[in-house]
Amino acid sequence: MSKFGLPKYIPVEGDENRGLYRDKDSNAILLRDKDVYDSYMQSFRERQKKKDEFSSLQQEVNDLKSDVSDIKSLLLQLVNKESK
């Protein structure tokens, strides 16, 4: 509450904006609902984990491509030696 008994935070209008409030002094929009924040952070961590897993799999595929290329090169060298 401000010094005049008025609320310092005004709820932001709209159903999708639950937990969001505007600070009268700074005009900033704040998230004041801890449950909404916790839910967001959990979904953020899950998205980050999936992104990390994808990057890891992508690196593994690139490593396998490189290995196959090396094997192919060695086989070609072996075939060329045998044909001489």
Protein backbone atom coordinates (compact mmCIF):
# COMPACT_ATOMS: atom_id res chain seq x y z
CA MET A 1 0.00 0.00 0.00
CA SER A 2 1.16 3.49 -0.70
CA LYS A 3 1.19 6.22 1.89
CA PHE A 4 -2.36 7.27 0.89
CA GLY A 5 -3.85 3.80 1.41
CA LEU A 6 -4.04 3.06 -2.33
CA PRO A 7 -2.61 -0.20 -3.64
CA LYS A 8 0.88 0.11 -5.07
CA TYR A 9 0.24 -2.65 -7.61
CA ILE A 10 -2.60 -2.67 -10.13
CA PRO A 11 -3.61 -6.00 -11.74
CA VAL A 12 -2.97 -6.13 -15.49
CA GLU A 13 -6.21 -6.68 -17.39
CA GLY A 14 -6.88 -9.85 -19.36
CA ASP A 15 -7.38 -13.54 -18.51
CA GLU A 16 -3.97 -14.57 -19.89
CA ASN A 17 -2.20 -12.10 -17.57
CA ARG A 18 -2.86 -13.82 -14.25
CA GLY A 19 -0.31 -12.87 -11.67
CA LEU A 20 0.86 -9.76 -13.54
CA TYR A 21 0.68 -6.39 -11.82
CA ARG A 22 1.76 -2.87 -12.74
CA ASP A 23 3.82 -0.96 -10.17
CA LYS A 24 2.32 2.51 -9.87
CA ASP A 25 5.65 4.13 -9.00
CA SER A 26 7.89 2.70 -11.70
CA ASN A 27 5.17 1.67 -14.20
CA ALA A 28 6.91 -1.73 -14.44
CA ILE A 29 4.95 -4.92 -14.94
CA LEU A 30 5.72 -7.52 -12.27
CA LEU A 31 4.88 -11.18 -11.86
CA ARG A 32 3.73 -11.57 -8.28
CA ASP A 33 2.16 -15.05 -8.42
CA LYS A 34 4.78 -17.59 -7.29
CA ASP A 35 2.79 -20.57 -8.62
CA VAL A 36 2.68 -19.06 -12.12
CA TYR A 37 6.41 -18.33 -11.91
CA ASP A 38 7.23 -21.85 -10.69
CA SER A 39 5.17 -23.35 -13.50
CA TYR A 40 6.94 -21.17 -16.07
CA MET A 41 10.37 -22.08 -14.70
CA GLN A 42 9.54 -25.80 -14.78
CA SER A 43 8.46 -25.58 -18.43
CA PHE A 44 11.58 -23.51 -19.20
CA ARG A 45 13.83 -26.15 -17.64
CA GLU A 46 12.05 -28.90 -19.61
CA ARG A 47 12.50 -26.98 -22.87
CA GLN A 48 16.17 -26.39 -22.03
CA LYS A 49 16.67 -30.10 -21.26
CA LYS A 50 15.13 -31.07 -24.62
CA LYS A 51 17.31 -28.54 -26.40
CA ASP A 52 20.42 -29.92 -24.68
CA GLU A 53 19.42 -33.51 -25.55
CA PHE A 54 18.90 -32.51 -29.18
CA SER A 55 22.32 -30.84 -29.32
CA SER A 56 23.91 -33.93 -27.80
CA LEU A 57 22.23 -36.21 -30.34
CA GLN A 58 23.22 -33.89 -33.16
CA GLN A 59 26.86 -34.06 -32.01
CA GLU A 60 26.71 -37.85 -31.83
CA VAL A 61 25.36 -38.03 -35.39
CA ASN A 62 28.13 -35.74 -36.61
CA ASP A 63 30.72 -37.91 -34.86
CA LEU A 64 29.28 -41.05 -36.48
CA LYS A 65 29.34 -39.39 -39.91
CA SER A 66 32.98 -38.56 -39.40
CA ASP A 67 33.76 -42.12 -38.31
CA VAL A 68 32.00 -43.59 -41.35
CA SER A 69 33.90 -41.22 -43.59
CA ASP A 70 37.20 -42.31 -42.01
CA ILE A 71 36.30 -46.00 -42.44
CA LYS A 72 35.35 -45.39 -46.06
CA SER A 73 38.66 -43.66 -46.69
CA LEU A 74 40.61 -46.51 -45.10
CA LEU A 75 38.70 -49.09 -47.13
CA LEU A 76 39.42 -47.22 -50.34
CA GLN A 77 43.11 -47.12 -49.47
CA LEU A 78 43.07 -50.85 -48.77
CA VAL A 79 41.33 -51.61 -52.05
CA ASN A 80 43.78 -49.44 -53.97
CA LYS A 81 46.76 -51.24 -52.37
CA GLU A 82 45.29 -54.65 -53.22
CA SER A 83 44.64 -53.74 -56.85
CA LYS A 84 48.29 -52.70 -57.46
